[in-house]
Amino acid sequence: MALVATPAAARKIVVGQPAPDFRLRLPGGQRVSLADLRGQVVILNLWATWCGPCKREMPELDRIQANGAQYGLRVFGVLAMDPTPLSALRPLIKVLHYPLVDHIGSDYVAVGNAIPTNYIIDRAGIVRYAQANALTARDYAEIIAPLLSEKAPVTTLAVPAATR
């Protein structure tokens, strides 16, 4: 695994606790936050172009996204500690089933200062996995598929006080 620096101000993300919000800007300019993804299973993959294990993980992440999309899975590849502009990655962006982003704007940092780091957030916004490790087909079967089979949480709309 490759090493990266960790910002001192980042909060520790704890498995079993609510995931901190994040904001992503997709290559097409669309902005996405955790709140926008509520009800979906989210994988945040921190990677770098110079990271060998990250490159070997990409085809598996692509298969994971392709297989899980119809069940509410969203994978995002977050370019971490890498000066490569996303514009240089256009050929890669065109073939992947998941978007690459260059900034997450949040507390999501490399676990143990190593990449690839993967965070998996369930449909209710709870962190279910946070490890510096490449995801595999086995992880899909043992971790991700069970989360995709869970029902999305029911949300209730707040009723304004004037209408009660």
C-alpha atoms as a PDB file:
ATOM      1  CA  MET A   1       0.000   0.000   0.000  1.00  0.00           C
ATOM      2  CA  ALA A   2       1.198   3.517  -0.708  1.00  0.00           C
ATOM      3  CA  LEU A   3       1.550   6.082   2.028  1.00  0.00           C
ATOM      4  CA  VAL A   4      -0.140   9.474   2.044  1.00  0.00           C
ATOM      5  CA  ALA A   5      -0.272  12.322   4.519  1.00  0.00           C
ATOM      6  CA  THR A   6      -3.300  12.681   6.781  1.00  0.00           C
ATOM      7  CA  PRO A   7      -4.634  16.143   7.675  1.00  0.00           C
ATOM      8  CA  ALA A   8      -4.350  16.709  11.416  1.00  0.00           C
ATOM      9  CA  ALA A   9      -7.790  18.339  11.606  1.00  0.00           C
ATOM     10  CA  ALA A  10      -9.683  15.336  10.217  1.00  0.00           C
ATOM     11  CA  ARG A  11     -12.129  13.602  12.559  1.00  0.00           C
ATOM     12  CA  LYS A  12     -11.813   9.881  13.033  1.00  0.00           C
ATOM     13  CA  ILE A  13     -14.485   8.032  11.118  1.00  0.00           C
ATOM     14  CA  VAL A  14     -15.885   5.170  13.177  1.00  0.00           C
ATOM     15  CA  VAL A  15     -17.498   2.023  11.802  1.00  0.00           C
ATOM     16  CA  GLY A  16     -21.033   1.756  13.179  1.00  0.00           C
ATOM     17  CA  GLN A  17     -21.428   5.528  13.508  1.00  0.00           C
ATOM     18  CA  PRO A  18     -23.091   8.027  11.153  1.00  0.00           C
ATOM     19  CA  ALA A  19     -20.877   8.961   8.226  1.00  0.00           C
ATOM     20  CA  PRO A  20     -19.668  12.556   8.082  1.00  0.00           C
ATOM     21  CA  ASP A  21     -21.142  14.515   5.219  1.00  0.00           C
ATOM     22  CA  PHE A  22     -19.072  14.996   2.092  1.00  0.00           C
ATOM     23  CA  ARG A  23     -19.358  16.998  -1.075  1.00  0.00           C
ATOM     24  CA  LEU A  24     -18.150  15.699  -4.414  1.00  0.00           C
ATOM     25  CA  ARG A  25     -17.923  17.505  -7.728  1.00  0.00           C
ATOM     26  CA  LEU A  26     -18.311  15.006 -10.554  1.00  0.00           C
ATOM     27  CA  PRO A  27     -16.409  15.430 -13.838  1.00  0.00           C
ATOM     28  CA  GLY A  28     -19.528  16.860 -15.538  1.00  0.00           C
ATOM     29  CA  GLY A  29     -19.804  19.551 -12.844  1.00  0.00           C
ATOM     30  CA  GLN A  30     -22.680  17.958 -10.905  1.00  0.00           C
ATOM     31  CA  ARG A  31     -22.304  18.203  -7.127  1.00  0.00           C
ATOM     32  CA  VAL A  32     -23.201  15.288  -4.863  1.00  0.00           C
ATOM     33  CA  SER A  33     -23.373  15.100  -1.075  1.00  0.00           C
ATOM     34  CA  LEU A  34     -24.005  12.229   1.297  1.00  0.00           C
ATOM     35  CA  ALA A  35     -27.539  13.529   1.847  1.00  0.00           C
ATOM     36  CA  ASP A  36     -28.176  13.231  -1.916  1.00  0.00           C
ATOM     37  CA  LEU A  37     -27.193   9.561  -1.729  1.00  0.00           C
ATOM     38  CA  ARG A  38     -29.379   8.586   1.246  1.00  0.00           C
ATOM     39  CA  GLY A  39     -31.021   5.248   0.576  1.00  0.00           C
ATOM     40  CA  GLN A  40     -28.084   4.024  -1.508  1.00  0.00           C
ATOM     41  CA  VAL A  41     -24.978   2.074  -0.532  1.00  0.00           C
ATOM     42  CA  VAL A  42     -21.908   4.235  -1.123  1.00  0.00           C
ATOM     43  CA  ILE A  43     -18.281   3.258  -1.587  1.00  0.00           C
ATOM     44  CA  LEU A  44     -15.680   5.998  -1.359  1.00  0.00           C
ATOM     45  CA  ASN A  45     -12.402   4.707  -2.784  1.00  0.00           C
ATOM     46  CA  LEU A  46      -9.347   6.867  -2.058  1.00  0.00           C
ATOM     47  CA  TRP A  47      -6.702   6.127  -4.671  1.00  0.00           C
ATOM     48  CA  ALA A  48      -3.789   7.642  -6.596  1.00  0.00           C
ATOM     49  CA  THR A  49      -2.439   7.223 -10.103  1.00  0.00           C
ATOM     50  CA  TRP A  50       0.985   6.261  -8.734  1.00  0.00           C
ATOM     51  CA  CYS A  51      -0.430   3.535  -6.437  1.00  0.00           C
ATOM     52  CA  GLY A  52       0.036   0.024  -7.847  1.00  0.00           C
ATOM     53  CA  PRO A  53      -2.564  -1.654  -5.589  1.00  0.00           C
ATOM     54  CA  CYS A  54      -5.028   1.114  -6.496  1.00  0.00           C
ATOM     55  CA  LYS A  55      -4.594   0.430 -10.206  1.00  0.00           C
ATOM     56  CA  ARG A  56      -5.053  -3.309  -9.679  1.00  0.00           C
ATOM     57  CA  GLU A  57      -8.230  -2.636  -7.655  1.00  0.00           C
ATOM     58  CA  MET A  58      -9.891  -0.468 -10.331  1.00  0.00           C
ATOM     59  CA  PRO A  59     -11.196  -3.304 -12.553  1.00  0.00           C
ATOM     60  CA  GLU A  60     -12.745  -4.958  -9.486  1.00  0.00           C
ATOM     61  CA  LEU A  61     -14.370  -1.706  -8.370  1.00  0.00           C
ATOM     62  CA  ASP A  62     -15.683  -1.275 -11.890  1.00  0.00           C
ATOM     63  CA  ARG A  63     -17.268  -4.761 -11.774  1.00  0.00           C
ATOM     64  CA  ILE A  64     -18.646  -4.060  -8.285  1.00  0.00           C
ATOM     65  CA  GLN A  65     -20.311  -0.858  -9.536  1.00  0.00           C
ATOM     66  CA  ALA A  66     -21.611  -2.499 -12.722  1.00  0.00           C
ATOM     67  CA  ASN A  67     -23.097  -5.415 -10.751  1.00  0.00           C
ATOM     68  CA  GLY A  68     -24.486  -3.341  -7.894  1.00  0.00           C
ATOM     69  CA  ALA A  69     -25.832  -0.242  -9.660  1.00  0.00           C
ATOM     70  CA  GLN A  70     -29.291  -1.719 -10.216  1.00  0.00           C
ATOM     71  CA  TYR A  71     -29.506  -2.408  -6.462  1.00  0.00           C
ATOM     72  CA  GLY A  72     -28.600   1.106  -5.369  1.00  0.00           C
ATOM     73  CA  LEU A  73     -24.796   1.021  -5.215  1.00  0.00           C
ATOM     74  CA  ARG A  74     -22.715   4.124  -5.912  1.00  0.00           C
ATOM     75  CA  VAL A  75     -18.915   3.944  -6.123  1.00  0.00           C
ATOM     76  CA  PHE A  76     -16.784   7.092  -6.254  1.00  0.00           C
ATOM     77  CA  GLY A  77     -13.055   7.061  -6.928  1.00  0.00           C
ATOM     78  CA  VAL A  78     -11.480   9.949  -5.000  1.00  0.00           C
ATOM     79  CA  LEU A  79      -8.057  10.972  -6.269  1.00  0.00           C
ATOM     80  CA  ALA A  80      -6.061  11.389  -3.044  1.00  0.00           C
ATOM     81  CA  MET A  81      -2.685  13.044  -2.620  1.00  0.00           C
ATOM     82  CA  ASP A  82      -2.092  13.073  -6.341  1.00  0.00           C
ATOM     83  CA  PRO A  83      -1.336  16.155  -8.451  1.00  0.00           C
ATOM     84  CA  THR A  84      -2.720  14.550 -11.623  1.00  0.00           C
ATOM     85  CA  PRO A  85      -5.593  16.643 -12.993  1.00  0.00           C
ATOM     86  CA  LEU A  86      -8.793  14.775 -13.787  1.00  0.00           C
ATOM     87  CA  SER A  87      -8.585  16.132 -17.332  1.00  0.00           C
ATOM     88  CA  ALA A  88      -5.537  13.885 -17.845  1.00  0.00           C
ATOM     89  CA  LEU A  89      -7.678  10.892 -16.882  1.00  0.00           C
ATOM     90  CA  ARG A  90     -10.431  11.407 -19.487  1.00  0.00           C
ATOM     91  CA  PRO A  91      -9.758   8.098 -21.292  1.00  0.00           C
ATOM     92  CA  LEU A  92     -10.079   6.236 -17.981  1.00  0.00           C
ATOM     93  CA  ILE A  93     -13.156   8.213 -16.927  1.00  0.00           C
ATOM     94  CA  LYS A  94     -14.887   7.251 -20.188  1.00  0.00           C
ATOM     95  CA  VAL A  95     -14.553   3.496 -19.601  1.00  0.00           C
ATOM     96  CA  LEU A  96     -15.316   3.265 -15.887  1.00  0.00           C
ATOM     97  CA  HIS A  97     -18.809   2.583 -14.555  1.00  0.00           C
ATOM     98  CA  TYR A  98     -18.104   4.877 -11.599  1.00  0.00           C
ATOM     99  CA  PRO A  99     -17.032   8.528 -11.511  1.00  0.00           C
ATOM    100  CA  LEU A 100     -13.617   9.783 -10.511  1.00  0.00           C
ATOM    101  CA  VAL A 101     -13.421  12.949  -8.435  1.00  0.00           C
ATOM    102  CA  ASP A 102     -10.433  14.971  -7.325  1.00  0.00           C
ATOM    103  CA  HIS A 103     -11.696  16.391  -4.060  1.00  0.00           C
ATOM    104  CA  ILE A 104     -13.982  15.132  -1.327  1.00  0.00           C
ATOM    105  CA  GLY A 105     -14.112  18.216   0.901  1.00  0.00           C
ATOM    106  CA  SER A 106     -14.569  16.349   4.168  1.00  0.00           C
ATOM    107  CA  ASP A 107     -13.042  14.205   6.885  1.00  0.00           C
ATOM    108  CA  TYR A 108     -12.419  11.193   4.670  1.00  0.00           C
ATOM    109  CA  VAL A 109      -8.700  10.469   4.756  1.00  0.00           C
ATOM    110  CA  ALA A 110      -6.506   7.451   4.148  1.00  0.00           C
ATOM    111  CA  VAL A 111      -6.846   4.978   7.020  1.00  0.00           C
ATOM    112  CA  GLY A 112      -3.439   4.400   8.574  1.00  0.00           C
ATOM    113  CA  ASN A 113      -1.981   6.832   6.024  1.00  0.00           C
ATOM    114  CA  ALA A 114      -2.297   4.159   3.326  1.00  0.00           C
ATOM    115  CA  ILE A 115      -4.123   3.831   0.051  1.00  0.00           C
ATOM    116  CA  PRO A 116      -6.183   2.407  -1.366  1.00  0.00           C
ATOM    117  CA  THR A 117      -8.591   3.202   1.440  1.00  0.00           C
ATOM    118  CA  ASN A 118     -12.250   2.274   1.119  1.00  0.00           C
ATOM    119  CA  TYR A 119     -15.225   3.539   3.087  1.00  0.00           C
ATOM    120  CA  ILE A 120     -18.564   1.779   2.716  1.00  0.00           C
ATOM    121  CA  ILE A 121     -21.665   3.639   3.905  1.00  0.00           C
ATOM    122  CA  ASP A 122     -25.012   1.873   4.181  1.00  0.00           C
ATOM    123  CA  ARG A 123     -28.415   3.082   3.026  1.00  0.00           C
ATOM    124  CA  ALA A 124     -29.064   4.798   6.370  1.00  0.00           C
ATOM    125  CA  GLY A 125     -25.789   6.748   6.246  1.00  0.00           C
ATOM    126  CA  ILE A 126     -23.879   4.554   8.718  1.00  0.00           C
ATOM    127  CA  VAL A 127     -20.218   3.717   8.110  1.00  0.00           C
ATOM    128  CA  ARG A 128     -20.044  -0.059   7.758  1.00  0.00           C
ATOM    129  CA  TYR A 129     -16.446  -0.438   6.537  1.00  0.00           C
ATOM    130  CA  ALA A 130     -13.344   1.752   6.736  1.00  0.00           C
ATOM    131  CA  GLN A 131     -10.074   0.082   5.811  1.00  0.00           C
ATOM    132  CA  ALA A 132      -6.889   0.628   3.894  1.00  0.00           C
ATOM    133  CA  ASN A 133      -7.249  -2.339   1.627  1.00  0.00           C
ATOM    134  CA  ALA A 134      -8.244  -3.076  -1.946  1.00  0.00           C
ATOM    135  CA  LEU A 135     -11.788  -4.386  -2.306  1.00  0.00           C
ATOM    136  CA  THR A 136     -12.225  -7.799  -3.931  1.00  0.00           C
ATOM    137  CA  ALA A 137     -15.009  -9.978  -5.304  1.00  0.00           C
ATOM    138  CA  ARG A 138     -15.056 -11.705  -1.914  1.00  0.00           C
ATOM    139  CA  ASP A 139     -15.682  -8.334  -0.214  1.00  0.00           C
ATOM    140  CA  TYR A 140     -18.568  -7.794  -2.606  1.00  0.00           C
ATOM    141  CA  ALA A 141     -20.115 -11.112  -1.583  1.00  0.00           C
ATOM    142  CA  GLU A 142     -19.458 -10.766   2.151  1.00  0.00           C
ATOM    143  CA  ILE A 143     -19.867  -7.032   2.794  1.00  0.00           C
ATOM    144  CA  ILE A 144     -21.483  -5.152  -0.071  1.00  0.00           C
ATOM    145  CA  ALA A 145     -24.148  -7.601  -1.326  1.00  0.00           C
ATOM    146  CA  PRO A 146     -25.701  -7.969   2.162  1.00  0.00           C
ATOM    147  CA  LEU A 147     -25.922  -4.169   2.434  1.00  0.00           C
ATOM    148  CA  LEU A 148     -27.581  -3.985  -0.973  1.00  0.00           C
ATOM    149  CA  SER A 149     -30.218  -6.459   0.191  1.00  0.00           C
ATOM    150  CA  GLU A 150     -31.177  -4.229   3.133  1.00  0.00           C
ATOM    151  CA  LYS A 151     -34.227  -2.035   2.692  1.00  0.00           C
ATOM    152  CA  ALA A 152     -33.733   1.701   2.335  1.00  0.00           C
ATOM    153  CA  PRO A 153     -34.711   3.612   5.482  1.00  0.00           C
ATOM    154  CA  VAL A 154     -38.132   5.207   5.511  1.00  0.00           C
ATOM    155  CA  THR A 155     -37.887   8.964   5.740  1.00  0.00           C
ATOM    156  CA  THR A 156     -40.677  11.134   6.965  1.00  0.00           C
ATOM    157  CA  LEU A 157     -41.280  14.631   5.776  1.00  0.00           C
ATOM    158  CA  ALA A 158     -41.512  17.334   8.402  1.00  0.00           C
ATOM    159  CA  VAL A 159     -44.892  19.007   8.469  1.00  0.00           C
ATOM    160  CA  PRO A 160     -44.723  22.786   8.921  1.00  0.00           C
ATOM    161  CA  ALA A 161     -46.179  23.955  12.225  1.00  0.00           C
ATOM    162  CA  ALA A 162     -48.781  26.128  10.446  1.00  0.00           C
ATOM    163  CA  THR A 163     -50.418  23.076   8.844  1.00  0.00           C
ATOM    164  CA  ARG A 164     -50.639  20.909  11.963  1.00  0.00           C
END
